[in-house]
Amino acid sequence: MAIYGGVWWLITPVLILMFRILGKKDPAWLEFTGHHTMARPKGQVIWIHGASLGELRSALPLMQHLKENNPHVHLLITGCNSPAIDAIRPHVPKGSVVFLWPLDAPLFVKRFLDHWKPSAVCFLECELWPCLLNTLNKNNIPFFNINFFTDAKSLGHYKMLGSFFPSLLSRSSGIWMSCGDRVYDWGVENGLINPPLMPSLKYGVTPFSKPQSSVLPDLSQRIFWLVSCTIMAEESMILNAHNALQKTHPHLLLIWALRNPVTPAFLHILDHSGQRYLFRSQNAQIDQSCTIYLIDTLGELDVFYRQAPFVVMGNSFTKKGEGHNILEPMANGCLPIVGPFMPVSQHLVDDFLPVGAIVQIPEPDLVSVVHGFLQDPNSARLMAQHGKEKLAEKKTELRNFLDQRAKEILASGHGCDPVP
């Protein structure tokens, strides 16, 4: 802990200078240093932290249960990047505050906790930050690890540090996992993980409403297929598949949401592909000459899921893939098609495969499977309906779990509330 904290102390002056410079153009940058000008509200403050938009979105049911059990509780919600924060802000419970998290430097963490004085903290999935956990332990602030996940490879790295992480997590008020694997077994054996397994937070996914400030493309006159959340290693695969599908569907449109920002190398490939592409961020209407429509905005995928009978979900067709949240399209009546590499979400896939609500295929089958659904989109819609029905069952399980957990979280923090 001394070595880890010492490294942060060495680079903290540089970080402060950098964020002050950036903060002159956008004050949000200062939030990384734990600096806030908004006054802490009186009463109980529950801090909920997730790294990405997907994690924060999965926590919306938890936020709602906390508010239902105590309408006067104040929710402080943080994420690790501005796009995720901006996308989640319109959807959190009324009265919640949403900011960027403090980097895991001792000074920034102390500044943040001294200002907000949270009654309890909820970490989503695998947010293991040593300075933060150490400071929470020292200040006797209860914290919970909800929908906790880490893969076997990461577990091996943690084990190399001996008792370091177990000692930090040993005072957690609750560590709940939704997937039984080596990590779960190890955690239960060491008294860290709370058995039994919880229903995945992702079962509570609620479709985002239609964007209010942008023009939606008209897709009624086009045959299209939707691809989402691909990584760079899959870009050539998708382009090759699109070229192959255009041989039987000459006017086929590809609507493509990339997981990462568009790179110059990818633009170079597109420019030499013979395809005509448009960007979602430009609010351009899709004409007959457009063959690829790139979604380069955040928080709008639900709009396209609702219009598509099926979606090919990336980050799952290469060995580097981790998978993505298959329940987001499912909640919108869209059938997910995924590759064989889903280590993060395979337990979700396994829940829905038996009822025919998802398709899992190797890369060589992609063109033939997509071609089949283009020929018969109603079959995809029927399978998607099976998914919505199964998801409704899982939501009921999650609601029962969250109702009890919300009461525990609220009760754990009452002794930590600062005097108004």
Protein backbone atom coordinates (compact mmCIF):
# COMPACT_ATOMS: atom_id res chain seq x y z
CA MET A 1 0.00 0.00 0.00
CA ALA A 2 2.89 2.34 0.80
CA ILE A 3 4.49 1.69 -2.60
CA TYR A 4 1.21 2.17 -4.46
CA GLY A 5 0.34 5.36 -2.59
CA GLY A 6 3.89 6.67 -2.93
CA VAL A 7 3.77 6.44 -6.72
CA TRP A 8 0.54 8.44 -6.72
CA TRP A 9 2.09 11.10 -4.47
CA LEU A 10 4.99 11.47 -6.92
CA ILE A 11 2.74 12.13 -9.93
CA THR A 12 0.00 14.08 -8.10
CA PRO A 13 1.61 17.56 -8.68
CA VAL A 14 1.77 16.85 -12.42
CA LEU A 15 -1.86 15.69 -12.45
CA ILE A 16 -3.02 18.78 -10.55
CA LEU A 17 -1.27 21.07 -13.02
CA MET A 18 -2.65 19.15 -16.01
CA PHE A 19 -6.24 19.13 -14.75
CA ARG A 20 -6.10 22.84 -13.83
CA ILE A 21 -5.07 23.65 -17.40
CA LEU A 22 -7.80 21.42 -18.85
CA GLY A 23 -10.28 22.75 -16.29
CA LYS A 24 -10.06 26.25 -17.73
CA LYS A 25 -11.90 25.00 -20.81
CA ASP A 26 -14.06 22.40 -19.08
CA PRO A 27 -14.44 22.52 -15.25
CA ALA A 28 -15.48 18.85 -15.27
CA TRP A 29 -11.80 17.90 -15.54
CA LEU A 30 -11.29 19.13 -11.96
CA GLU A 31 -13.69 16.44 -10.74
CA PHE A 32 -10.91 13.89 -11.31
CA THR A 33 -9.00 15.61 -8.48
CA GLY A 34 -11.96 15.29 -6.09
CA HIS A 35 -12.62 19.03 -6.32
CA HIS A 36 -16.29 20.07 -6.16
CA THR A 37 -18.01 23.41 -5.70
CA MET A 38 -21.51 22.00 -5.17
CA ALA A 39 -22.42 21.83 -1.49
CA ARG A 40 -23.10 18.46 0.07
CA PRO A 41 -26.84 18.00 0.67
CA LYS A 42 -28.00 17.41 4.24
CA GLY A 43 -28.90 13.89 5.26
CA GLN A 44 -27.96 10.49 3.91
CA VAL A 45 -25.78 10.34 0.78
CA ILE A 46 -25.26 7.00 -0.97
CA TRP A 47 -22.39 6.96 -3.49
CA ILE A 48 -22.77 4.63 -6.49
CA HIS A 49 -19.75 4.17 -8.77
CA GLY A 50 -19.39 2.35 -12.08
CA ALA A 51 -16.65 2.56 -14.68
CA SER A 52 -18.69 2.73 -17.87
CA LEU A 53 -22.12 3.61 -19.22
CA GLY A 54 -23.07 -0.08 -19.27
CA GLU A 55 -22.34 -0.50 -15.57
CA LEU A 56 -24.12 2.70 -14.60
CA ARG A 57 -27.09 1.77 -16.73
CA SER A 58 -27.32 -1.64 -15.06
CA ALA A 59 -27.45 0.15 -11.68
CA LEU A 60 -30.57 2.18 -12.52
CA PRO A 61 -32.88 -0.40 -10.86
CA LEU A 62 -30.70 -0.28 -7.72
CA MET A 63 -30.96 3.52 -7.67
CA GLN A 64 -34.73 3.28 -8.01
CA HIS A 65 -35.02 0.78 -5.15
CA LEU A 66 -32.92 3.01 -2.88
CA LYS A 67 -35.21 5.96 -3.61
CA GLU A 68 -38.35 3.87 -3.13
CA ASN A 69 -37.16 2.67 0.27
CA ASN A 70 -36.06 6.16 1.33
CA PRO A 71 -37.34 9.06 -0.82
CA HIS A 72 -35.11 11.46 1.13
CA VAL A 73 -31.81 9.71 0.35
CA HIS A 74 -29.41 11.60 -1.91
CA LEU A 75 -27.68 9.58 -4.62
CA LEU A 76 -24.17 10.57 -5.71
CA ILE A 77 -23.35 8.80 -8.99
CA THR A 78 -19.88 8.73 -10.55
CA GLY A 79 -18.30 7.24 -13.67
CA CYS A 80 -14.85 7.17 -15.22
CA ASN A 81 -15.45 9.20 -18.39
CA SER A 82 -17.47 12.22 -19.50
CA PRO A 83 -19.44 10.54 -22.34
CA ALA A 84 -20.80 7.94 -19.92
CA ILE A 85 -21.70 10.62 -17.37
CA ASP A 86 -23.47 12.75 -19.97
CA ALA A 87 -25.40 9.75 -21.32
CA ILE A 88 -26.61 8.47 -17.93
CA ARG A 89 -27.49 11.85 -16.38
CA PRO A 90 -31.00 12.17 -17.96
CA HIS A 91 -32.00 8.72 -16.71
CA VAL A 92 -31.03 8.72 -13.03
CA PRO A 93 -33.66 9.31 -10.31
CA LYS A 94 -34.72 12.92 -9.84
CA GLY A 95 -32.50 14.84 -7.45
CA SER A 96 -29.42 12.65 -8.00
CA VAL A 97 -26.06 14.29 -8.71
CA VAL A 98 -23.73 12.86 -11.36
CA PHE A 99 -19.99 13.55 -11.54
CA LEU A 100 -16.68 12.11 -12.65
CA TRP A 101 -14.99 9.98 -10.01
CA PRO A 102 -11.79 10.98 -8.15
CA LEU A 103 -8.65 9.28 -9.46
CA ASP A 104 -7.23 6.79 -6.97
CA ALA A 105 -4.60 9.17 -5.57
CA PRO A 106 -4.58 9.59 -1.76
CA LEU A 107 -5.07 13.38 -1.97
CA PHE A 108 -7.93 13.19 -4.48
CA VAL A 109 -9.74 10.41 -2.62
CA LYS A 110 -9.45 12.22 0.72
CA ARG A 111 -10.67 15.49 -0.80
CA PHE A 112 -13.68 13.76 -2.36
CA LEU A 113 -14.68 11.84 0.78
CA ASP A 114 -14.16 14.86 3.06
CA HIS A 115 -16.50 16.88 0.86
CA TRP A 116 -19.30 14.37 0.20
CA LYS A 117 -19.09 12.26 3.41
CA PRO A 118 -21.02 9.34 1.90
CA SER A 119 -23.07 7.22 4.27
CA ALA A 120 -22.34 4.11 2.19
CA VAL A 121 -20.73 3.26 -1.15
CA CYS A 122 -21.84 0.84 -3.88
CA PHE A 123 -19.19 -0.34 -6.35
CA LEU A 124 -20.43 -1.97 -9.55
CA GLU A 125 -18.70 -5.05 -10.96
CA CYS A 126 -14.89 -4.96 -10.58
CA GLU A 127 -13.95 -1.56 -9.15
CA LEU A 128 -10.97 -2.44 -6.92
CA TRP A 129 -9.08 0.78 -6.20
CA PRO A 130 -6.59 0.35 -3.33
CA CYS A 131 -6.42 3.96 -2.07
CA LEU A 132 -10.18 4.29 -2.13
CA LEU A 133 -10.84 0.96 -0.39
CA ASN A 134 -8.11 1.64 2.18
CA THR A 135 -9.53 5.09 2.99
CA LEU A 136 -13.08 3.74 3.30
CA ASN A 137 -11.81 1.11 5.73
CA LYS A 138 -9.92 3.68 7.81
CA ASN A 139 -13.00 5.92 8.02
CA ASN A 140 -15.40 3.04 8.74
CA ILE A 141 -17.55 3.89 5.72
CA PRO A 142 -19.59 0.84 4.66
CA PHE A 143 -19.11 -0.28 1.07
CA PHE A 144 -20.76 -2.94 -1.09
CA ASN A 145 -19.49 -4.70 -4.23
CA ILE A 146 -22.57 -5.44 -6.33
CA ASN A 147 -22.64 -7.61 -9.45
CA PHE A 148 -18.98 -8.22 -8.65
CA PHE A 149 -16.99 -9.73 -11.49
CA THR A 150 -13.39 -10.46 -12.31
CA ASP A 151 -12.04 -13.11 -14.65
CA ALA A 152 -9.73 -15.99 -13.75
CA LYS A 153 -6.73 -14.23 -15.33
CA SER A 154 -7.21 -11.14 -13.17
CA LEU A 155 -7.73 -13.37 -10.15
CA GLY A 156 -4.30 -14.86 -10.80
CA HIS A 157 -2.77 -11.38 -10.76
CA TYR A 158 -4.53 -10.54 -7.49
CA LYS A 159 -3.28 -13.78 -5.92
CA MET A 160 0.31 -12.79 -6.78
CA LEU A 161 -0.10 -9.91 -4.31
CA GLY A 162 -0.91 -12.30 -1.49
CA SER A 163 -3.34 -10.91 1.07
CA PHE A 164 -3.29 -7.38 -0.34
CA PHE A 165 -6.72 -7.32 -2.02
CA PRO A 166 -8.40 -9.77 0.38
CA SER A 167 -7.42 -7.51 3.28
CA LEU A 168 -8.88 -4.47 1.52
CA LEU A 169 -12.10 -6.34 0.71
CA SER A 170 -12.45 -8.13 4.04
CA ARG A 171 -14.41 -5.23 5.54
CA SER A 172 -16.86 -4.97 2.66
CA SER A 173 -20.42 -5.04 3.94
CA GLY A 174 -21.43 -7.25 1.02
CA ILE A 175 -19.81 -8.74 -2.08
CA TRP A 176 -22.38 -10.31 -4.40
CA MET A 177 -21.64 -12.14 -7.65
CA SER A 178 -24.08 -13.17 -10.37
CA CYS A 179 -21.89 -15.84 -11.97
CA GLY A 180 -20.54 -18.99 -10.35
CA ASP A 181 -16.96 -19.67 -11.45
CA ARG A 182 -13.42 -20.01 -10.07
CA VAL A 183 -13.55 -16.46 -8.73
CA TYR A 184 -16.82 -17.15 -6.94
CA ASP A 185 -15.52 -20.40 -5.43
CA TRP A 186 -12.31 -18.71 -4.28
CA GLY A 187 -14.23 -15.80 -2.76
CA VAL A 188 -16.65 -18.04 -0.86
CA GLU A 189 -13.80 -20.22 0.45
CA ASN A 190 -11.99 -17.12 1.75
CA GLY A 191 -15.12 -15.64 3.30
CA LEU A 192 -15.23 -12.66 0.91
CA ILE A 193 -18.08 -13.41 -1.50
CA ASN A 194 -21.61 -13.45 -0.12
CA PRO A 195 -23.42 -16.62 -1.19
CA PRO A 196 -25.80 -17.41 -2.77
CA LEU A 197 -25.47 -15.96 -6.27
CA MET A 198 -27.47 -12.81 -7.04
CA PRO A 199 -29.51 -12.24 -10.21
CA SER A 200 -27.45 -10.11 -12.60
CA LEU A 201 -28.08 -6.37 -12.31
CA LYS A 202 -28.27 -6.37 -16.09
CA TYR A 203 -31.64 -8.17 -15.94
CA GLY A 204 -33.16 -4.88 -14.84
CA VAL A 205 -32.20 -3.07 -18.05
CA THR A 206 -34.77 -0.48 -19.14
CA PRO A 207 -34.70 0.88 -22.70
CA PHE A 208 -33.58 4.49 -22.96
CA SER A 209 -36.20 6.88 -24.27
CA LYS A 210 -35.99 8.44 -27.72
CA PRO A 211 -33.39 11.25 -27.94
CA GLN A 212 -35.06 14.63 -27.76
CA SER A 213 -32.50 16.79 -29.52
CA SER A 214 -31.52 14.86 -32.63
CA VAL A 215 -33.04 13.88 -35.96
CA LEU A 216 -33.62 10.15 -36.32
CA PRO A 217 -32.84 8.51 -39.67
CA ASP A 218 -35.71 7.09 -41.72
CA LEU A 219 -35.08 3.37 -42.20
CA SER A 220 -38.52 2.40 -43.48
CA GLN A 221 -37.41 2.23 -47.13
CA ARG A 222 -34.16 0.30 -46.62
CA ILE A 223 -33.16 -3.30 -46.00
CA PHE A 224 -30.49 -3.13 -43.31
CA TRP A 225 -28.58 -5.13 -40.75
CA LEU A 226 -27.34 -3.78 -37.42
CA VAL A 227 -23.91 -4.37 -35.87
CA SER A 228 -22.96 -3.02 -32.45
CA CYS A 229 -19.98 -2.76 -30.12
CA THR A 230 -17.30 -4.15 -32.44
CA ILE A 231 -13.62 -3.81 -31.63
CA MET A 232 -10.81 -3.03 -34.09
CA ALA A 233 -9.95 -6.69 -34.60
CA GLU A 234 -13.47 -7.26 -35.99
CA GLU A 235 -13.68 -4.34 -38.42
CA SER A 236 -12.37 -6.23 -41.46
CA MET A 237 -14.64 -9.18 -40.66
CA ILE A 238 -17.75 -6.97 -40.68
CA LEU A 239 -16.73 -5.17 -43.88
CA ASN A 240 -16.08 -8.49 -45.63
CA ALA A 241 -19.44 -9.83 -44.46
CA HIS A 242 -21.20 -6.69 -45.72
CA ASN A 243 -19.55 -7.03 -49.14
CA ALA A 244 -20.64 -10.67 -49.31
CA LEU A 245 -24.23 -9.89 -48.31
CA GLN A 246 -24.46 -7.12 -50.91
CA LYS A 247 -24.06 -9.75 -53.66
CA THR A 248 -27.59 -10.97 -52.90
CA HIS A 249 -28.91 -7.66 -51.50
CA PRO A 250 -27.35 -4.91 -53.68
CA HIS A 251 -28.97 -2.04 -51.75
CA LEU A 252 -28.23 -3.44 -48.29
CA LEU A 253 -27.44 -0.87 -45.58
CA LEU A 254 -25.12 -1.59 -42.66
CA ILE A 255 -25.85 0.35 -39.47
CA TRP A 256 -22.67 0.05 -37.44
CA ALA A 257 -21.95 1.14 -33.87
CA LEU A 258 -18.26 0.91 -33.01
CA ARG A 259 -17.12 0.21 -29.46
CA ASN A 260 -14.15 2.58 -29.78
CA PRO A 261 -13.73 5.98 -31.47
CA VAL A 262 -13.16 5.98 -35.23
CA THR A 263 -9.45 5.80 -36.03
CA PRO A 264 -7.64 7.24 -39.09
CA ALA A 265 -6.68 3.68 -40.07
CA PHE A 266 -10.34 2.62 -40.08
CA LEU A 267 -11.34 5.67 -42.12
CA HIS A 268 -8.61 4.78 -44.62
CA ILE A 269 -10.08 1.27 -44.97
CA LEU A 270 -13.58 2.69 -45.45
CA ASP A 271 -12.40 5.20 -48.06
CA HIS A 272 -10.90 2.38 -50.13
CA SER A 273 -13.77 -0.07 -49.62
CA GLY A 274 -16.08 1.36 -52.27
CA GLN A 275 -18.75 1.93 -49.62
CA ARG A 276 -20.41 5.31 -49.04
CA TYR A 277 -20.66 6.06 -45.35
CA LEU A 278 -22.29 8.69 -43.13
CA PHE A 279 -21.87 9.50 -39.43
CA ARG A 280 -24.69 9.61 -36.88
CA SER A 281 -23.12 12.64 -35.17
CA GLN A 282 -23.69 14.66 -38.36
CA ASN A 283 -27.49 14.05 -38.17
CA ALA A 284 -27.45 13.25 -41.89
CA GLN A 285 -30.48 11.57 -43.41
CA ILE A 286 -29.82 8.21 -45.05
CA ASP A 287 -30.29 8.34 -48.81
CA GLN A 288 -30.22 5.45 -51.31
CA SER A 289 -26.52 5.90 -52.02
CA CYS A 290 -25.49 5.41 -48.38
CA THR A 291 -24.34 1.84 -47.67
CA ILE A 292 -22.83 2.24 -44.17
CA TYR A 293 -24.23 4.40 -41.38
CA LEU A 294 -21.77 4.75 -38.48
CA ILE A 295 -23.20 5.40 -35.01
CA ASP A 296 -20.49 7.46 -33.33
CA THR A 297 -22.70 8.81 -30.52
CA LEU A 298 -23.28 7.36 -27.04
CA GLY A 299 -26.54 6.34 -25.40
CA GLU A 300 -28.60 6.05 -28.61
CA LEU A 301 -28.30 2.37 -29.47
CA ASP A 302 -31.77 1.62 -28.08
CA VAL A 303 -33.26 3.73 -30.87
CA PHE A 304 -31.76 1.37 -33.45
CA TYR A 305 -32.39 -1.82 -31.46
CA ARG A 306 -36.10 -1.00 -31.53
CA GLN A 307 -36.08 -0.80 -35.34
CA ALA A 308 -33.95 -3.87 -36.06
CA PRO A 309 -35.20 -7.49 -35.94
CA PHE A 310 -31.67 -8.66 -35.03
CA VAL A 311 -28.24 -7.30 -34.15
CA VAL A 312 -24.74 -8.76 -34.50
CA MET A 313 -22.92 -7.93 -31.27
CA GLY A 314 -19.17 -7.50 -31.51
CA ASN A 315 -16.36 -7.92 -29.01
CA SER A 316 -17.21 -11.62 -29.21
CA PHE A 317 -15.72 -12.96 -32.46
CA THR A 318 -12.01 -12.92 -31.54
CA LYS A 319 -10.10 -14.51 -28.67
CA LYS A 320 -9.55 -11.00 -27.29
CA GLY A 321 -13.32 -10.55 -27.05
CA GLU A 322 -15.06 -10.11 -23.72
CA GLY A 323 -18.67 -9.95 -24.90
CA HIS A 324 -21.23 -7.25 -24.36
CA ASN A 325 -24.60 -6.83 -22.65
CA ILE A 326 -26.97 -8.97 -24.69
CA LEU A 327 -29.95 -7.82 -22.60
CA GLU A 328 -30.02 -4.28 -23.99
CA PRO A 329 -31.19 -5.35 -27.47
CA MET A 330 -33.37 -8.06 -25.94
CA ALA A 331 -35.26 -5.49 -23.86
CA ASN A 332 -35.99 -3.62 -27.09
CA GLY A 333 -37.33 -6.66 -28.95
CA CYS A 334 -34.15 -7.22 -30.97
CA LEU A 335 -32.52 -10.66 -31.34
CA PRO A 336 -28.80 -10.73 -30.34
CA ILE A 337 -26.33 -12.68 -32.49
CA VAL A 338 -22.99 -13.18 -30.75
CA GLY A 339 -19.68 -14.90 -31.38
CA PRO A 340 -18.11 -17.72 -29.36
CA PHE A 341 -16.00 -15.52 -27.04
CA MET A 342 -18.23 -14.17 -24.25
CA PRO A 343 -16.28 -14.67 -20.97
CA VAL A 344 -17.95 -11.74 -19.22
CA SER A 345 -21.51 -12.54 -20.30
CA GLN A 346 -21.52 -16.24 -21.16
CA HIS A 347 -23.67 -16.96 -18.08
CA LEU A 348 -26.29 -14.61 -19.54
CA VAL A 349 -26.05 -16.31 -22.93
CA ASP A 350 -26.55 -19.69 -21.25
CA ASP A 351 -29.77 -18.44 -19.63
CA PHE A 352 -31.35 -17.56 -22.97
CA LEU A 353 -29.99 -20.19 -25.37
CA PRO A 354 -32.41 -22.92 -24.17
CA VAL A 355 -35.47 -20.79 -25.03
CA GLY A 356 -34.11 -19.82 -28.46
CA ALA A 357 -33.76 -16.15 -27.56
CA ILE A 358 -30.18 -15.68 -28.73
CA VAL A 359 -27.91 -17.02 -31.49
CA GLN A 360 -24.27 -17.88 -30.76
CA ILE A 361 -22.13 -18.72 -33.80
CA PRO A 362 -18.49 -18.93 -34.95
CA GLU A 363 -17.21 -16.29 -37.38
CA PRO A 364 -17.47 -18.49 -40.54
CA ASP A 365 -21.26 -18.78 -40.05
CA LEU A 366 -21.87 -15.04 -39.84
CA VAL A 367 -22.79 -14.36 -43.48
CA SER A 368 -25.14 -17.35 -43.82
CA VAL A 369 -26.93 -16.62 -40.53
CA VAL A 370 -27.41 -12.92 -41.32
CA HIS A 371 -28.55 -13.81 -44.84
CA GLY A 372 -31.18 -16.15 -43.37
CA PHE A 373 -32.61 -13.47 -41.10
CA LEU A 374 -32.61 -10.89 -43.91
CA GLN A 375 -34.71 -13.33 -45.91
CA ASP A 376 -37.02 -14.05 -42.96
CA PRO A 377 -36.94 -11.18 -40.43
CA ASN A 378 -40.14 -12.44 -38.75
CA SER A 379 -38.28 -15.48 -37.44
CA ALA A 380 -35.82 -13.14 -35.71
CA ARG A 381 -38.68 -11.13 -34.21
CA LEU A 382 -40.31 -14.31 -32.88
CA MET A 383 -37.07 -15.37 -31.20
CA ALA A 384 -36.67 -11.86 -29.79
CA GLN A 385 -40.15 -12.10 -28.27
CA HIS A 386 -39.08 -15.28 -26.45
CA GLY A 387 -36.18 -13.24 -25.06
CA LYS A 388 -38.47 -10.48 -23.75
CA GLU A 389 -40.64 -13.05 -21.99
CA LYS A 390 -37.65 -14.75 -20.34
CA LEU A 391 -36.21 -11.37 -19.39
CA ALA A 392 -39.46 -10.44 -17.63
CA GLU A 393 -39.06 -13.52 -15.40
CA LYS A 394 -35.49 -12.57 -14.56
CA LYS A 395 -36.51 -8.99 -13.74
CA THR A 396 -38.89 -10.28 -11.07
CA GLU A 397 -36.03 -12.22 -9.43
CA LEU A 398 -33.84 -9.12 -9.49
CA ARG A 399 -36.55 -6.88 -8.01
CA ASN A 400 -36.91 -9.21 -5.02
CA PHE A 401 -33.15 -9.26 -4.48
CA LEU A 402 -32.72 -5.48 -4.81
CA ASP A 403 -35.55 -4.71 -2.42
CA GLN A 404 -33.72 -6.53 0.37
CA ARG A 405 -30.28 -5.23 -0.57
CA ALA A 406 -31.51 -1.62 -0.77
CA LYS A 407 -32.74 -1.87 2.82
CA GLU A 408 -29.36 -3.24 3.93
CA ILE A 409 -27.44 -0.47 2.16
CA LEU A 410 -29.62 2.26 3.61
CA ALA A 411 -29.46 0.78 7.13
CA SER A 412 -25.67 0.32 7.00
CA GLY A 413 -25.03 4.00 6.47
CA HIS A 414 -27.24 5.58 9.11
CA GLY A 415 -24.49 5.58 11.72
CA CYS A 416 -22.18 7.42 9.32
CA ASP A 417 -24.44 10.32 8.41
CA PRO A 418 -22.86 13.69 9.26
CA VAL A 419 -24.74 15.97 11.59
CA PRO A 420 -26.71 18.52 9.46
